[in-house]
Amino acid sequence: MDCSFLLNHKSVALPALQICLETFTWTDGEATTKVCYFCGVVVLLAKLTNNVELREFVSKDMFSAVIRGLGMESNAINSPDLVNICREIFIYLSDRDPAPRQVSFNQKHSWLSPFTCCK
């Protein structure tokens, strides 16, 4: 997907981005590998543009989806890439949007309980 397409065709781009986020919950590690690269580009685009909708999507929806993806056993091989996406979102976008700081680590991710002190 071309970056300019994302910005100029929001009505088509949003469903495509949602499908990408669903990939993090599939049991197909190869699909996750491919989507990680694309999501990294989308995060970069959100950092470099002043597009509020894209920044909110990345800060809230993508951040939550990537965290859910970390809980999938099939994504174990991709966990460094997933953690890197989370890091990029948190470091570069949490000052512009509060969503990354508000993600609840207590939902279904008991394996994250040691990190709840970092809320």
C-alpha atoms as a PDB file:
ATOM      1  CA  MET A   1       0.000   0.000   0.000  1.00  0.00           C
ATOM      2  CA  ASP A   2       1.326   3.388  -0.948  1.00  0.00           C
ATOM      3  CA  CYS A   3       1.576   5.925   1.901  1.00  0.00           C
ATOM      4  CA  SER A   4      -0.072   8.669  -0.141  1.00  0.00           C
ATOM      5  CA  PHE A   5      -2.961   6.298  -0.790  1.00  0.00           C
ATOM      6  CA  LEU A   6      -3.516   5.977   2.956  1.00  0.00           C
ATOM      7  CA  LEU A   7      -3.730   9.714   3.398  1.00  0.00           C
ATOM      8  CA  ASN A   8      -5.822  10.467   0.306  1.00  0.00           C
ATOM      9  CA  HIS A   9      -8.315   7.585   0.415  1.00  0.00           C
ATOM     10  CA  LYS A  10      -9.331   7.330   4.054  1.00  0.00           C
ATOM     11  CA  SER A  11     -12.621   5.527   3.378  1.00  0.00           C
ATOM     12  CA  VAL A  12     -10.764   2.624   1.743  1.00  0.00           C
ATOM     13  CA  ALA A  13      -7.594   2.783   3.808  1.00  0.00           C
ATOM     14  CA  LEU A  14      -9.230   2.369   7.215  1.00  0.00           C
ATOM     15  CA  PRO A  15     -10.746  -1.068   6.457  1.00  0.00           C
ATOM     16  CA  ALA A  16      -7.412  -2.159   4.964  1.00  0.00           C
ATOM     17  CA  LEU A  17      -5.596  -1.030   8.089  1.00  0.00           C
ATOM     18  CA  GLN A  18      -8.139  -2.839  10.279  1.00  0.00           C
ATOM     19  CA  ILE A  19      -7.476  -6.072   8.367  1.00  0.00           C
ATOM     20  CA  CYS A  20      -3.769  -5.597   9.014  1.00  0.00           C
ATOM     21  CA  LEU A  21      -4.443  -5.301  12.724  1.00  0.00           C
ATOM     22  CA  GLU A  22      -6.526  -8.480  12.714  1.00  0.00           C
ATOM     23  CA  THR A  23      -3.502 -10.309  11.342  1.00  0.00           C
ATOM     24  CA  PHE A  24      -1.822  -9.987  14.737  1.00  0.00           C
ATOM     25  CA  THR A  25      -4.402 -12.413  16.171  1.00  0.00           C
ATOM     26  CA  TRP A  26      -4.077 -15.039  13.431  1.00  0.00           C
ATOM     27  CA  THR A  27      -2.083 -18.182  14.060  1.00  0.00           C
ATOM     28  CA  ASP A  28       0.011 -17.499  10.960  1.00  0.00           C
ATOM     29  CA  GLY A  29       3.429 -16.223  11.965  1.00  0.00           C
ATOM     30  CA  GLU A  30       4.405 -15.602   8.341  1.00  0.00           C
ATOM     31  CA  ALA A  31       1.469 -13.215   7.848  1.00  0.00           C
ATOM     32  CA  THR A  32       2.448 -11.386  11.023  1.00  0.00           C
ATOM     33  CA  THR A  33       5.994 -11.006   9.724  1.00  0.00           C
ATOM     34  CA  LYS A  34       4.717  -9.297   6.595  1.00  0.00           C
ATOM     35  CA  VAL A  35       2.300  -7.049   8.482  1.00  0.00           C
ATOM     36  CA  CYS A  36       4.993  -5.985  10.965  1.00  0.00           C
ATOM     37  CA  TYR A  37       6.953  -4.330   8.182  1.00  0.00           C
ATOM     38  CA  PHE A  38       3.878  -2.532   6.877  1.00  0.00           C
ATOM     39  CA  CYS A  39       2.836  -1.398  10.355  1.00  0.00           C
ATOM     40  CA  GLY A  40       6.338  -0.041  10.922  1.00  0.00           C
ATOM     41  CA  VAL A  41       5.889   2.117   7.823  1.00  0.00           C
ATOM     42  CA  VAL A  42       2.468   3.285   9.044  1.00  0.00           C
ATOM     43  CA  VAL A  43       3.981   4.235  12.424  1.00  0.00           C
ATOM     44  CA  LEU A  44       6.697   6.194  10.631  1.00  0.00           C
ATOM     45  CA  LEU A  45       4.043   7.935   8.544  1.00  0.00           C
ATOM     46  CA  ALA A  46       2.099   8.836  11.698  1.00  0.00           C
ATOM     47  CA  LYS A  47       5.266  10.279  13.224  1.00  0.00           C
ATOM     48  CA  LEU A  48       6.175  12.350  10.184  1.00  0.00           C
ATOM     49  CA  THR A  49       2.780  13.766   9.238  1.00  0.00           C
ATOM     50  CA  ASN A  50       0.325  15.952  11.059  1.00  0.00           C
ATOM     51  CA  ASN A  51      -2.567  13.632  10.212  1.00  0.00           C
ATOM     52  CA  VAL A  52      -4.494  13.447  13.479  1.00  0.00           C
ATOM     53  CA  GLU A  53      -6.696  10.538  12.388  1.00  0.00           C
ATOM     54  CA  LEU A  54      -3.718   8.402  11.431  1.00  0.00           C
ATOM     55  CA  ARG A  55      -1.884   9.285  14.632  1.00  0.00           C
ATOM     56  CA  GLU A  56      -4.955   8.361  16.720  1.00  0.00           C
ATOM     57  CA  PHE A  57      -5.374   5.095  14.820  1.00  0.00           C
ATOM     58  CA  VAL A  58      -1.743   4.143  15.392  1.00  0.00           C
ATOM     59  CA  SER A  59      -1.712   5.279  19.037  1.00  0.00           C
ATOM     60  CA  LYS A  60      -4.885   3.487  20.002  1.00  0.00           C
ATOM     61  CA  ASP A  61      -5.875   0.732  17.598  1.00  0.00           C
ATOM     62  CA  MET A  62      -2.499  -0.389  16.332  1.00  0.00           C
ATOM     63  CA  PHE A  63      -0.829  -0.197  19.741  1.00  0.00           C
ATOM     64  CA  SER A  64      -3.566  -2.358  21.303  1.00  0.00           C
ATOM     65  CA  ALA A  65      -3.516  -4.849  18.412  1.00  0.00           C
ATOM     66  CA  VAL A  66       0.250  -5.263  18.618  1.00  0.00           C
ATOM     67  CA  ILE A  67       0.036  -5.881  22.352  1.00  0.00           C
ATOM     68  CA  ARG A  68      -2.649  -8.523  21.735  1.00  0.00           C
ATOM     69  CA  GLY A  69      -0.358 -10.020  19.102  1.00  0.00           C
ATOM     70  CA  LEU A  70       2.395 -10.388  21.677  1.00  0.00           C
ATOM     71  CA  GLY A  71       0.106 -12.787  23.547  1.00  0.00           C
ATOM     72  CA  MET A  72      -0.158 -15.152  20.588  1.00  0.00           C
ATOM     73  CA  GLU A  73       2.173 -18.138  20.758  1.00  0.00           C
ATOM     74  CA  SER A  74       2.371 -18.182  16.964  1.00  0.00           C
ATOM     75  CA  ASN A  75       3.930 -14.704  17.086  1.00  0.00           C
ATOM     76  CA  ALA A  76       6.828 -15.744  19.321  1.00  0.00           C
ATOM     77  CA  ILE A  77       9.275 -15.499  16.435  1.00  0.00           C
ATOM     78  CA  ASN A  78       7.977 -12.003  15.649  1.00  0.00           C
ATOM     79  CA  SER A  79       8.004 -10.722  19.215  1.00  0.00           C
ATOM     80  CA  PRO A  80      11.126  -8.551  18.718  1.00  0.00           C
ATOM     81  CA  ASP A  81       9.411  -6.805  15.795  1.00  0.00           C
ATOM     82  CA  LEU A  82       6.181  -6.414  17.747  1.00  0.00           C
ATOM     83  CA  VAL A  83       8.001  -4.981  20.751  1.00  0.00           C
ATOM     84  CA  ASN A  84       9.825  -2.583  18.450  1.00  0.00           C
ATOM     85  CA  ILE A  85       6.524  -1.346  16.984  1.00  0.00           C
ATOM     86  CA  CYS A  86       5.173  -0.808  20.512  1.00  0.00           C
ATOM     87  CA  ARG A  87       8.336   1.033  21.487  1.00  0.00           C
ATOM     88  CA  GLU A  88       8.160   3.294  18.437  1.00  0.00           C
ATOM     89  CA  ILE A  89       4.508   4.118  19.092  1.00  0.00           C
ATOM     90  CA  PHE A  90       5.044   4.764  22.781  1.00  0.00           C
ATOM     91  CA  ILE A  91       8.214   6.808  22.470  1.00  0.00           C
ATOM     92  CA  TYR A  92       7.246   8.954  19.506  1.00  0.00           C
ATOM     93  CA  LEU A  93       3.473   9.266  19.803  1.00  0.00           C
ATOM     94  CA  SER A  94       2.553   9.106  23.490  1.00  0.00           C
ATOM     95  CA  ASP A  95       3.440  12.779  23.928  1.00  0.00           C
ATOM     96  CA  ARG A  96       0.938  13.714  21.188  1.00  0.00           C
ATOM     97  CA  ASP A  97      -1.808  11.239  22.076  1.00  0.00           C
ATOM     98  CA  PRO A  98      -2.587   9.770  25.517  1.00  0.00           C
ATOM     99  CA  ALA A  99      -3.832   6.409  24.159  1.00  0.00           C
ATOM    100  CA  PRO A 100      -0.536   4.444  24.443  1.00  0.00           C
ATOM    101  CA  ARG A 101      -0.241   5.418  28.111  1.00  0.00           C
ATOM    102  CA  GLN A 102      -3.834   4.339  28.774  1.00  0.00           C
ATOM    103  CA  VAL A 103      -3.714   0.780  27.455  1.00  0.00           C
ATOM    104  CA  SER A 104      -4.896  -1.548  30.167  1.00  0.00           C
ATOM    105  CA  PHE A 105      -2.375  -4.295  30.768  1.00  0.00           C
ATOM    106  CA  ASN A 106      -4.755  -6.122  33.099  1.00  0.00           C
ATOM    107  CA  GLN A 107      -7.336  -7.210  30.528  1.00  0.00           C
ATOM    108  CA  LYS A 108      -6.512 -10.665  29.163  1.00  0.00           C
ATOM    109  CA  HIS A 109      -2.761 -10.494  29.467  1.00  0.00           C
ATOM    110  CA  SER A 110      -1.843 -11.941  32.835  1.00  0.00           C
ATOM    111  CA  TRP A 111       1.663 -12.516  31.466  1.00  0.00           C
ATOM    112  CA  LEU A 112       2.051  -8.730  31.469  1.00  0.00           C
ATOM    113  CA  SER A 113       1.266  -8.383  35.165  1.00  0.00           C
ATOM    114  CA  PRO A 114       4.884  -7.591  36.120  1.00  0.00           C
ATOM    115  CA  PHE A 115       4.602  -4.487  33.924  1.00  0.00           C
ATOM    116  CA  THR A 116       1.425  -3.063  35.478  1.00  0.00           C
ATOM    117  CA  CYS A 117       3.569  -0.899  37.712  1.00  0.00           C
ATOM    118  CA  CYS A 118       4.562   1.043  34.584  1.00  0.00           C
ATOM    119  CA  LYS A 119       1.071   2.402  33.871  1.00  0.00           C
END
